[in-house]
Amino acid sequence: MSDENENLPITTEDSNEIAPQQESETVDAPHDSNEPEKSNEDNELTLLGEQFENYMRIAKALMKTLKRPKDIDICNDLLKKVQTLHNSRHLEVLRNNNRFFRYCLRVLKWTSENQPMELYRTLYPDDTNSCNELKEVTQWSSDKKSYMAAKTYKNGVSLIYMAVLNDVEAGWQEDGFKILQQKMSCERE
């Protein structure tokens, strides 16, 4: 007889009886209705902030590909304005700011990909080689113990290097060739 009951289908009455018991077991604890809403706002603020930071990194990377100085200036001004809007604590302002930033990124990407490079090369010659040309001055002191070198870039940056020797016999005033010759002669022996 127990075998017969195992094969019988479950009636809807049985399933209706089980369902209310399961529902009564899970009881929601009373809570403040403002807490989840505030938590959701905090989560959204965090998410919008992270999105903004990612957009800013992308914009700066795309800006490095721009060749025309006016485009770079426009992009810098736009990034400053978007940054000031991002400082708002109003959720709707941040949402709209990120939407606008996404649009700006699409425009920036299109601009970067569609630059008339041949025209820009003629209008804005590449000054990186001329900027990196150095004016170099080197000087050893009369006792050959002190060395000073200065390099000046065209953009006004100067690098100064100074060194003091304890032993003049090392031959650094002759570009260290004495030490190199001594090492090579020791290795041969």
N, C-alpha and C. Protein backbone atom coordinates (compact mmCIF):
# COMPACT_ATOMS: atom_id res chain seq x y z
N MET A 1 0.81 -1.18 0.00
CA MET A 1 0.00 0.00 0.00
C MET A 1 0.86 1.26 0.00
N SER A 2 1.99 1.22 0.66
CA SER A 2 2.88 2.36 0.63
C SER A 2 3.46 2.55 -0.75
N ASP A 3 3.63 1.46 -1.52
CA ASP A 3 4.13 1.59 -2.88
C ASP A 3 3.14 2.33 -3.76
N GLU A 4 1.86 2.13 -3.52
CA GLU A 4 0.85 2.80 -4.32
C GLU A 4 0.85 4.30 -4.03
N ASN A 5 1.05 4.70 -2.80
CA ASN A 5 1.03 6.12 -2.44
C ASN A 5 2.24 6.86 -2.99
N GLU A 6 3.35 6.16 -3.15
CA GLU A 6 4.54 6.81 -3.69
C GLU A 6 4.36 7.20 -5.15
N ASN A 7 3.61 6.43 -5.89
CA ASN A 7 3.43 6.69 -7.31
C ASN A 7 2.29 7.65 -7.60
N LEU A 8 1.52 8.02 -6.61
CA LEU A 8 0.40 8.92 -6.83
C LEU A 8 0.90 10.34 -7.06
N PRO A 9 0.30 11.08 -8.00
CA PRO A 9 0.71 12.46 -8.21
C PRO A 9 0.29 13.34 -7.02
N ILE A 10 1.02 14.41 -6.81
CA ILE A 10 0.70 15.34 -5.72
C ILE A 10 -0.47 16.19 -6.17
N THR A 11 -1.45 16.28 -5.33
CA THR A 11 -2.63 17.07 -5.69
C THR A 11 -2.37 18.54 -5.41
N THR A 12 -3.21 19.35 -6.00
CA THR A 12 -3.06 20.79 -5.79
C THR A 12 -3.37 21.17 -4.35
N GLU A 13 -4.19 20.39 -3.71
CA GLU A 13 -4.49 20.68 -2.31
C GLU A 13 -3.23 20.54 -1.46
N ASP A 14 -2.43 19.47 -1.75
CA ASP A 14 -1.21 19.26 -0.98
C ASP A 14 -0.23 20.41 -1.20
N SER A 15 -0.08 20.84 -2.44
CA SER A 15 0.87 21.90 -2.73
C SER A 15 0.42 23.23 -2.15
N ASN A 16 -0.91 23.45 -2.07
CA ASN A 16 -1.40 24.68 -1.46
C ASN A 16 -1.16 24.70 0.04
N GLU A 17 -1.20 23.55 0.63
CA GLU A 17 -0.97 23.49 2.07
C GLU A 17 0.49 23.76 2.42
N ILE A 18 1.40 23.33 1.56
CA ILE A 18 2.82 23.50 1.83
C ILE A 18 3.23 24.96 1.65
N ALA A 19 2.73 25.61 0.64
CA ALA A 19 3.17 26.96 0.32
C ALA A 19 2.94 27.95 1.46
N PRO A 20 1.76 27.97 2.11
CA PRO A 20 1.60 28.94 3.19
C PRO A 20 2.55 28.70 4.36
N GLN A 21 2.89 27.46 4.63
CA GLN A 21 3.81 27.18 5.73
C GLN A 21 5.20 27.75 5.42
N GLN A 22 5.62 27.63 4.16
CA GLN A 22 6.93 28.16 3.79
C GLN A 22 6.94 29.68 3.88
N GLU A 23 5.87 30.31 3.50
CA GLU A 23 5.81 31.76 3.56
C GLU A 23 5.85 32.26 5.00
N SER A 24 5.20 31.54 5.90
CA SER A 24 5.15 32.00 7.28
C SER A 24 6.50 31.87 7.97
N GLU A 25 7.38 31.01 7.47
CA GLU A 25 8.69 30.84 8.08
C GLU A 25 9.60 32.04 7.85
N THR A 26 9.48 32.69 6.71
CA THR A 26 10.34 33.84 6.41
C THR A 26 9.61 35.11 6.78
N VAL A 27 10.05 35.75 7.83
CA VAL A 27 9.43 36.98 8.29
C VAL A 27 10.47 38.08 8.17
N ASP A 28 10.09 39.16 7.51
CA ASP A 28 11.00 40.29 7.37
C ASP A 28 11.07 41.06 8.68
N ALA A 29 12.28 41.42 9.05
CA ALA A 29 12.47 42.22 10.26
C ALA A 29 12.08 43.65 9.96
N PRO A 30 11.52 44.34 10.92
CA PRO A 30 11.18 45.75 10.68
C PRO A 30 12.45 46.56 10.47
N HIS A 31 12.38 47.51 9.54
CA HIS A 31 13.54 48.33 9.24
C HIS A 31 13.09 49.73 8.84
N ASP A 32 14.03 50.62 8.90
CA ASP A 32 13.78 52.01 8.54
C ASP A 32 13.68 52.10 7.02
N SER A 33 12.65 52.71 6.50
CA SER A 33 12.45 52.77 5.06
C SER A 33 13.48 53.65 4.37
N ASN A 34 14.15 54.54 5.07
CA ASN A 34 15.15 55.42 4.47
C ASN A 34 16.50 54.75 4.32
N GLU A 35 16.80 53.74 5.12
CA GLU A 35 18.12 53.10 5.08
C GLU A 35 18.45 52.49 3.72
N PRO A 36 17.59 51.62 3.15
CA PRO A 36 17.96 51.04 1.84
C PRO A 36 18.07 52.10 0.76
N GLU A 37 17.20 53.11 0.81
CA GLU A 37 17.25 54.16 -0.20
C GLU A 37 18.56 54.93 -0.10
N LYS A 38 18.99 55.24 1.12
CA LYS A 38 20.24 55.97 1.32
C LYS A 38 21.42 55.10 0.89
N SER A 39 21.36 53.83 1.21
CA SER A 39 22.43 52.91 0.81
C SER A 39 22.51 52.81 -0.71
N ASN A 40 21.37 52.77 -1.36
CA ASN A 40 21.35 52.73 -2.83
C ASN A 40 21.95 54.00 -3.41
N GLU A 41 21.64 55.14 -2.80
CA GLU A 41 22.21 56.40 -3.26
C GLU A 41 23.72 56.42 -3.09
N ASP A 42 24.19 55.93 -1.94
CA ASP A 42 25.63 55.86 -1.70
C ASP A 42 26.31 54.95 -2.71
N ASN A 43 25.68 53.81 -2.98
CA ASN A 43 26.24 52.89 -3.98
C ASN A 43 26.28 53.53 -5.35
N GLU A 44 25.21 54.24 -5.69
CA GLU A 44 25.18 54.89 -7.00
C GLU A 44 26.20 56.02 -7.09
N LEU A 45 26.37 56.77 -5.99
CA LEU A 45 27.39 57.82 -5.96
C LEU A 45 28.78 57.23 -6.17
N THR A 46 29.04 56.11 -5.51
CA THR A 46 30.33 55.44 -5.66
C THR A 46 30.53 54.97 -7.09
N LEU A 47 29.49 54.36 -7.65
CA LEU A 47 29.56 53.86 -9.02
C LEU A 47 29.78 55.00 -10.01
N LEU A 48 29.05 56.10 -9.83
CA LEU A 48 29.21 57.25 -10.72
C LEU A 48 30.61 57.85 -10.60
N GLY A 49 31.15 57.86 -9.39
CA GLY A 49 32.51 58.37 -9.18
C GLY A 49 33.54 57.50 -9.88
N GLU A 50 33.38 56.18 -9.78
CA GLU A 50 34.31 55.27 -10.45
C GLU A 50 34.20 55.41 -11.97
N GLN A 51 32.96 55.53 -12.46
CA GLN A 51 32.77 55.73 -13.90
C GLN A 51 33.47 57.00 -14.35
N PHE A 52 33.30 58.06 -13.59
CA PHE A 52 33.90 59.33 -13.95
C PHE A 52 35.42 59.22 -14.01
N GLU A 53 36.02 58.57 -13.03
CA GLU A 53 37.48 58.41 -13.01
C GLU A 53 37.95 57.62 -14.23
N ASN A 54 37.21 56.58 -14.59
CA ASN A 54 37.57 55.81 -15.80
C ASN A 54 37.44 56.67 -17.05
N TYR A 55 36.37 57.44 -17.13
CA TYR A 55 36.20 58.32 -18.28
C TYR A 55 37.33 59.34 -18.36
N MET A 56 37.75 59.84 -17.21
CA MET A 56 38.82 60.84 -17.18
C MET A 56 40.13 60.23 -17.69
N ARG A 57 40.42 58.99 -17.28
CA ARG A 57 41.64 58.33 -17.76
C ARG A 57 41.59 58.13 -19.27
N ILE A 58 40.44 57.72 -19.78
CA ILE A 58 40.29 57.52 -21.22
C ILE A 58 40.46 58.84 -21.95
N ALA A 59 39.85 59.90 -21.43
CA ALA A 59 39.94 61.22 -22.07
C ALA A 59 41.38 61.70 -22.12
N LYS A 60 42.12 61.52 -21.04
CA LYS A 60 43.52 61.97 -21.02
C LYS A 60 44.36 61.16 -22.00
N ALA A 61 44.07 59.87 -22.12
CA ALA A 61 44.81 59.06 -23.09
C ALA A 61 44.49 59.49 -24.52
N LEU A 62 43.22 59.75 -24.80
CA LEU A 62 42.84 60.20 -26.14
C LEU A 62 43.39 61.59 -26.42
N MET A 63 43.47 62.42 -25.40
CA MET A 63 43.97 63.78 -25.59
C MET A 63 45.43 63.77 -26.03
N LYS A 64 46.19 62.77 -25.58
CA LYS A 64 47.60 62.68 -25.96
C LYS A 64 47.77 62.38 -27.45
N THR A 65 46.72 61.88 -28.10
CA THR A 65 46.81 61.58 -29.53
C THR A 65 46.50 62.79 -30.40
N LEU A 66 45.97 63.85 -29.80
CA LEU A 66 45.62 65.04 -30.57
C LEU A 66 46.89 65.78 -30.98
N LYS A 67 46.87 66.32 -32.19
CA LYS A 67 48.04 67.02 -32.72
C LYS A 67 47.86 68.53 -32.75
N ARG A 68 46.64 68.99 -32.99
CA ARG A 68 46.40 70.43 -33.12
C ARG A 68 46.33 71.08 -31.74
N PRO A 69 47.12 72.11 -31.49
CA PRO A 69 47.11 72.75 -30.17
C PRO A 69 45.74 73.27 -29.75
N LYS A 70 44.96 73.77 -30.70
CA LYS A 70 43.63 74.28 -30.36
C LYS A 70 42.73 73.15 -29.86
N ASP A 71 42.83 71.96 -30.46
CA ASP A 71 42.06 70.81 -30.00
C ASP A 71 42.45 70.43 -28.57
N ILE A 72 43.72 70.49 -28.28
CA ILE A 72 44.21 70.16 -26.94
C ILE A 72 43.68 71.17 -25.92
N ASP A 73 43.69 72.46 -26.28
CA ASP A 73 43.17 73.49 -25.38
C ASP A 73 41.67 73.30 -25.12
N ILE A 74 40.92 73.01 -26.19
CA ILE A 74 39.48 72.79 -26.05
C ILE A 74 39.24 71.59 -25.13
N CYS A 75 40.00 70.54 -25.33
CA CYS A 75 39.85 69.34 -24.51
C CYS A 75 40.17 69.63 -23.04
N ASN A 76 41.23 70.37 -22.79
CA ASN A 76 41.59 70.73 -21.41
C ASN A 76 40.48 71.54 -20.75
N ASP A 77 39.93 72.52 -21.47
CA ASP A 77 38.85 73.33 -20.92
C ASP A 77 37.62 72.48 -20.62
N LEU A 78 37.30 71.58 -21.52
CA LEU A 78 36.15 70.70 -21.33
C LEU A 78 36.34 69.80 -20.12
N LEU A 79 37.54 69.25 -19.96
CA LEU A 79 37.81 68.38 -18.81
C LEU A 79 37.70 69.16 -17.50
N LYS A 80 38.12 70.42 -17.50
CA LYS A 80 37.99 71.24 -16.29
C LYS A 80 36.52 71.47 -15.94
N LYS A 81 35.70 71.74 -16.96
CA LYS A 81 34.27 71.98 -16.71
C LYS A 81 33.58 70.72 -16.22
N VAL A 82 33.91 69.59 -16.83
CA VAL A 82 33.31 68.33 -16.41
C VAL A 82 33.75 67.99 -14.98
N GLN A 83 34.99 68.31 -14.64
CA GLN A 83 35.49 68.06 -13.28
C GLN A 83 34.74 68.90 -12.26
N THR A 84 34.45 70.16 -12.58
CA THR A 84 33.71 70.99 -11.62
C THR A 84 32.29 70.47 -11.43
N LEU A 85 31.66 69.97 -12.49
CA LEU A 85 30.33 69.38 -12.34
C LEU A 85 30.38 68.09 -11.53
N HIS A 86 31.47 67.37 -11.64
CA HIS A 86 31.61 66.11 -10.90
C HIS A 86 31.72 66.35 -9.40
N ASN A 87 32.10 67.54 -8.99
CA ASN A 87 32.23 67.85 -7.56
C ASN A 87 30.88 68.03 -6.88
N SER A 88 29.80 68.03 -7.64
CA SER A 88 28.47 68.16 -7.07
C SER A 88 28.10 66.90 -6.29
N ARG A 89 27.24 67.04 -5.29
CA ARG A 89 26.77 65.89 -4.51
C ARG A 89 25.35 65.50 -4.92
N HIS A 90 24.78 66.17 -5.90
CA HIS A 90 23.44 65.84 -6.37
C HIS A 90 23.52 64.68 -7.35
N LEU A 91 22.75 63.67 -7.08
CA LEU A 91 22.79 62.44 -7.87
C LEU A 91 22.44 62.69 -9.33
N GLU A 92 21.42 63.49 -9.58
CA GLU A 92 20.98 63.74 -10.96
C GLU A 92 22.05 64.51 -11.74
N VAL A 93 22.73 65.43 -11.09
CA VAL A 93 23.80 66.19 -11.75
C VAL A 93 24.93 65.23 -12.14
N LEU A 94 25.28 64.31 -11.24
CA LEU A 94 26.35 63.35 -11.53
C LEU A 94 25.97 62.41 -12.67
N ARG A 95 24.71 61.97 -12.66
CA ARG A 95 24.25 61.09 -13.76
C ARG A 95 24.36 61.82 -15.10
N ASN A 96 23.84 63.04 -15.15
CA ASN A 96 23.88 63.80 -16.40
C ASN A 96 25.31 64.14 -16.80
N ASN A 97 26.16 64.40 -15.83
CA ASN A 97 27.56 64.70 -16.11
C ASN A 97 28.24 63.50 -16.77
N ASN A 98 27.99 62.30 -16.24
CA ASN A 98 28.60 61.10 -16.82
C ASN A 98 28.05 60.82 -18.22
N ARG A 99 26.74 61.07 -18.42
CA ARG A 99 26.17 60.90 -19.77
C ARG A 99 26.84 61.86 -20.75
N PHE A 100 26.99 63.11 -20.33
CA PHE A 100 27.64 64.10 -21.18
C PHE A 100 29.10 63.72 -21.44
N PHE A 101 29.77 63.21 -20.42
CA PHE A 101 31.18 62.81 -20.56
C PHE A 101 31.31 61.67 -21.57
N ARG A 102 30.37 60.71 -21.53
CA ARG A 102 30.40 59.62 -22.53
C ARG A 102 30.27 60.18 -23.94
N TYR A 103 29.38 61.15 -24.11
CA TYR A 103 29.23 61.80 -25.42
C TYR A 103 30.53 62.50 -25.82
N CYS A 104 31.13 63.21 -24.88
CA CYS A 104 32.40 63.90 -25.16
C CYS A 104 33.49 62.92 -25.55
N LEU A 105 33.51 61.75 -24.92
CA LEU A 105 34.51 60.74 -25.26
C LEU A 105 34.31 60.23 -26.69
N ARG A 106 33.05 60.08 -27.11
CA ARG A 106 32.81 59.67 -28.50
C ARG A 106 33.30 60.74 -29.47
N VAL A 107 33.05 62.01 -29.16
CA VAL A 107 33.52 63.11 -30.01
C VAL A 107 35.04 63.15 -30.02
N LEU A 108 35.65 62.98 -28.87
CA LEU A 108 37.11 63.01 -28.76
C LEU A 108 37.74 61.85 -29.53
N LYS A 109 37.12 60.68 -29.44
CA LYS A 109 37.64 59.52 -30.18
C LYS A 109 37.54 59.76 -31.68
N TRP A 110 36.40 60.29 -32.13
CA TRP A 110 36.23 60.57 -33.55
C TRP A 110 37.27 61.60 -34.00
N THR A 111 37.46 62.63 -33.21
CA THR A 111 38.44 63.67 -33.55
C THR A 111 39.83 63.09 -33.64
N SER A 112 40.16 62.23 -32.70
CA SER A 112 41.49 61.61 -32.69
C SER A 112 41.71 60.73 -33.92
N GLU A 113 40.69 60.00 -34.31
CA GLU A 113 40.82 59.08 -35.45
C GLU A 113 40.77 59.79 -36.79
N ASN A 114 40.17 60.97 -36.87
CA ASN A 114 39.96 61.65 -38.15
C ASN A 114 40.74 62.95 -38.28
N GLN A 115 41.89 63.02 -37.68
CA GLN A 115 42.73 64.21 -37.80
C GLN A 115 43.40 64.24 -39.17
N PRO A 116 43.42 65.38 -39.83
CA PRO A 116 44.14 65.48 -41.11
C PRO A 116 45.65 65.57 -40.85
N MET A 117 46.28 64.41 -40.67
CA MET A 117 47.68 64.36 -40.22
C MET A 117 48.64 65.06 -41.18
N GLU A 118 48.44 64.90 -42.48
CA GLU A 118 49.35 65.55 -43.44
C GLU A 118 49.29 67.06 -43.30
N LEU A 119 48.10 67.59 -43.15
CA LEU A 119 47.94 69.03 -42.97
C LEU A 119 48.58 69.48 -41.66
N TYR A 120 48.35 68.72 -40.60
CA TYR A 120 48.92 69.08 -39.30
C TYR A 120 50.44 69.02 -39.31
N ARG A 121 51.01 68.10 -40.07
CA ARG A 121 52.48 68.01 -40.13
C ARG A 121 53.07 69.27 -40.77
N THR A 122 52.36 69.82 -41.75
CA THR A 122 52.87 71.03 -42.38
C THR A 122 52.62 72.27 -41.51
N LEU A 123 51.45 72.32 -40.87
CA LEU A 123 51.12 73.48 -40.04
C LEU A 123 51.83 73.48 -38.69
N TYR A 124 51.97 72.30 -38.11
CA TYR A 124 52.57 72.18 -36.78
C TYR A 124 53.73 71.19 -36.85
N PRO A 125 54.90 71.64 -37.29
CA PRO A 125 56.02 70.71 -37.41
C PRO A 125 56.38 70.12 -36.05
N ASP A 126 56.87 68.90 -36.10
CA ASP A 126 57.22 68.18 -34.88
C ASP A 126 58.44 68.81 -34.25
N ASP A 127 58.24 69.46 -33.12
CA ASP A 127 59.33 70.16 -32.43
C ASP A 127 60.01 69.30 -31.39
N THR A 128 59.67 68.01 -31.32
CA THR A 128 60.25 67.20 -30.25
C THR A 128 61.76 67.06 -30.41
N ASN A 129 62.25 66.96 -31.63
CA ASN A 129 63.69 66.83 -31.82
C ASN A 129 64.41 68.13 -31.47
N SER A 130 63.85 69.27 -31.88
CA SER A 130 64.52 70.53 -31.58
C SER A 130 64.41 70.88 -30.10
N CYS A 131 63.33 70.46 -29.43
CA CYS A 131 63.19 70.72 -28.00
C CYS A 131 64.18 69.89 -27.19
N ASN A 132 64.49 68.71 -27.69
CA ASN A 132 65.37 67.84 -26.93
C ASN A 132 66.84 68.08 -27.21
N GLU A 133 67.15 69.01 -28.14
CA GLU A 133 68.55 69.33 -28.37
C GLU A 133 69.12 69.97 -27.12
N LEU A 134 70.29 69.54 -26.74
CA LEU A 134 70.88 70.01 -25.50
C LEU A 134 72.04 70.95 -25.75
N LYS A 135 72.15 71.89 -24.86
CA LYS A 135 73.36 72.69 -24.77
C LYS A 135 74.08 72.12 -23.57
N GLU A 136 75.25 71.56 -23.79
CA GLU A 136 75.94 70.86 -22.72
C GLU A 136 77.27 71.54 -22.40
N VAL A 137 77.54 71.71 -21.12
CA VAL A 137 78.79 72.28 -20.64
C VAL A 137 79.36 71.32 -19.61
N THR A 138 80.64 70.96 -19.78
CA THR A 138 81.30 70.10 -18.80
C THR A 138 82.61 70.76 -18.38
N GLN A 139 82.98 70.57 -17.13
CA GLN A 139 84.20 71.21 -16.63
C GLN A 139 84.79 70.38 -15.50
N TRP A 140 86.10 70.11 -15.60
CA TRP A 140 86.86 69.49 -14.51
C TRP A 140 87.59 70.59 -13.76
N SER A 141 87.71 70.45 -12.45
CA SER A 141 88.48 71.42 -11.67
C SER A 141 89.97 71.23 -11.96
N SER A 142 90.77 72.20 -11.58
CA SER A 142 92.20 72.15 -11.87
C SER A 142 92.90 70.99 -11.16
N ASP A 143 92.41 70.58 -9.99
CA ASP A 143 93.04 69.46 -9.28
C ASP A 143 92.49 68.10 -9.74
N LYS A 144 91.57 68.10 -10.69
CA LYS A 144 90.98 66.90 -11.29
C LYS A 144 90.20 66.06 -10.27
N LYS A 145 89.73 66.67 -9.20
CA LYS A 145 88.95 65.95 -8.20
C LYS A 145 87.46 66.28 -8.29
N SER A 146 87.10 67.35 -8.94
CA SER A 146 85.70 67.76 -9.03
C SER A 146 85.29 67.88 -10.49
N TYR A 147 84.04 67.46 -10.75
CA TYR A 147 83.50 67.48 -12.10
C TYR A 147 82.12 68.11 -12.04
N MET A 148 81.81 68.94 -13.04
CA MET A 148 80.51 69.56 -13.12
C MET A 148 80.04 69.52 -14.57
N ALA A 149 78.78 69.14 -14.76
CA ALA A 149 78.19 69.14 -16.10
C ALA A 149 76.81 69.78 -16.00
N ALA A 150 76.45 70.55 -17.00
CA ALA A 150 75.14 71.19 -17.05
C ALA A 150 74.59 71.03 -18.46
N LYS A 151 73.31 70.65 -18.53
CA LYS A 151 72.63 70.52 -19.81
C LYS A 151 71.38 71.38 -19.74
N THR A 152 71.15 72.17 -20.78
CA THR A 152 70.00 73.05 -20.81
C THR A 152 69.16 72.74 -22.04
N TYR A 153 67.87 72.51 -21.83
CA TYR A 153 66.92 72.28 -22.91
C TYR A 153 66.41 73.62 -23.42
N LYS A 154 65.83 73.61 -24.62
CA LYS A 154 65.30 74.85 -25.18
C LYS A 154 64.09 75.36 -24.40
N ASN A 155 63.38 74.44 -23.76
CA ASN A 155 62.21 74.88 -23.00
C ASN A 155 62.58 75.47 -21.65
N GLY A 156 63.89 75.60 -21.36
CA GLY A 156 64.34 76.26 -20.15
C GLY A 156 64.73 75.35 -19.00
N VAL A 157 64.49 74.07 -19.14
CA VAL A 157 64.85 73.13 -18.08
C VAL A 157 66.35 72.90 -18.09
N SER A 158 66.97 72.94 -16.92
CA SER A 158 68.41 72.70 -16.81
C SER A 158 68.68 71.54 -15.87
N LEU A 159 69.61 70.69 -16.25
CA LEU A 159 70.06 69.59 -15.41
C LEU A 159 71.51 69.85 -15.04
N ILE A 160 71.81 69.71 -13.77
CA ILE A 160 73.18 69.93 -13.31
C ILE A 160 73.66 68.68 -12.59
N TYR A 161 74.85 68.23 -12.92
CA TYR A 161 75.45 67.05 -12.31
C TYR A 161 76.81 67.44 -11.76
N MET A 162 77.08 67.06 -10.52
CA MET A 162 78.38 67.34 -9.92
C MET A 162 78.89 66.07 -9.26
N ALA A 163 80.22 65.87 -9.33
CA ALA A 163 80.84 64.71 -8.71
C ALA A 163 82.18 65.12 -8.13
N VAL A 164 82.56 64.47 -7.04
CA VAL A 164 83.85 64.72 -6.40
C VAL A 164 84.56 63.38 -6.25
N LEU A 165 85.84 63.34 -6.63
CA LEU A 165 86.63 62.11 -6.55
C LEU A 165 87.50 62.12 -5.31
N ASN A 166 87.67 60.94 -4.75
CA ASN A 166 88.63 60.79 -3.65
C ASN A 166 90.02 60.47 -4.20
N ASP A 167 90.05 59.71 -5.28
CA ASP A 167 91.31 59.23 -5.84
C ASP A 167 91.44 59.71 -7.28
N VAL A 168 92.41 60.55 -7.53
CA VAL A 168 92.63 61.08 -8.88
C VAL A 168 93.16 59.99 -9.81
N GLU A 169 93.77 58.97 -9.26
CA GLU A 169 94.37 57.90 -10.06
C GLU A 169 93.34 57.10 -10.85
N ALA A 170 92.08 57.19 -10.48
CA ALA A 170 91.05 56.42 -11.17
C ALA A 170 90.93 56.84 -12.63
N GLY A 171 91.23 58.06 -12.94
CA GLY A 171 91.23 58.50 -14.32
C GLY A 171 89.87 58.87 -14.87
N TRP A 172 88.95 59.27 -14.02
CA TRP A 172 87.62 59.63 -14.50
C TRP A 172 87.65 60.87 -15.38
N GLN A 173 88.62 61.73 -15.20
CA GLN A 173 88.70 62.91 -16.05
C GLN A 173 89.01 62.52 -17.49
N GLU A 174 89.49 61.31 -17.68
CA GLU A 174 89.74 60.80 -19.03
C GLU A 174 88.65 59.79 -19.39
N ASP A 175 87.44 60.05 -18.92
CA ASP A 175 86.26 59.22 -19.19
C ASP A 175 86.38 57.81 -18.64
N GLY A 176 87.19 57.63 -17.61
CA GLY A 176 87.29 56.32 -16.97
C GLY A 176 88.06 55.29 -17.76
N PHE A 177 88.78 55.71 -18.79
CA PHE A 177 89.49 54.74 -19.62
C PHE A 177 90.62 54.05 -18.86
N LYS A 178 91.24 54.73 -17.90
CA LYS A 178 92.31 54.10 -17.13
C LYS A 178 91.78 52.89 -16.37
N ILE A 179 90.63 53.04 -15.74
CA ILE A 179 90.05 51.93 -14.99
C ILE A 179 89.69 50.80 -15.94
N LEU A 180 89.11 51.13 -17.07
CA LEU A 180 88.74 50.11 -18.04
C LEU A 180 89.97 49.37 -18.53
N GLN A 181 91.05 50.09 -18.82
CA GLN A 181 92.27 49.44 -19.28
C GLN A 181 92.85 48.55 -18.19
N GLN A 182 92.81 49.00 -16.95
CA GLN A 182 93.32 48.18 -15.85
C GLN A 182 92.49 46.91 -15.69
N LYS A 183 91.19 47.02 -15.79
CA LYS A 183 90.33 45.85 -15.65
C LYS A 183 90.58 44.87 -16.78
N MET A 184 90.74 45.39 -17.98
CA MET A 184 90.97 44.51 -19.13
C MET A 184 92.32 43.82 -19.01
N SER A 185 93.34 44.52 -18.51
CA SER A 185 94.66 43.90 -18.36
C SER A 185 94.63 42.85 -17.25
N CYS A 186 93.83 43.06 -16.21
CA CYS A 186 93.72 42.06 -15.13
C CYS A 186 93.02 40.80 -15.63
N GLU A 187 92.04 40.96 -16.48
CA GLU A 187 91.30 39.81 -16.99
C GLU A 187 92.17 38.97 -17.92
N ARG A 188 93.10 39.59 -18.62
CA ARG A 188 93.97 38.87 -19.55
C ARG A 188 95.01 38.04 -18.81
N GLU A 189 95.39 38.48 -17.63
CA GLU A 189 96.45 37.78 -16.89
C GLU A 189 95.99 36.54 -16.27
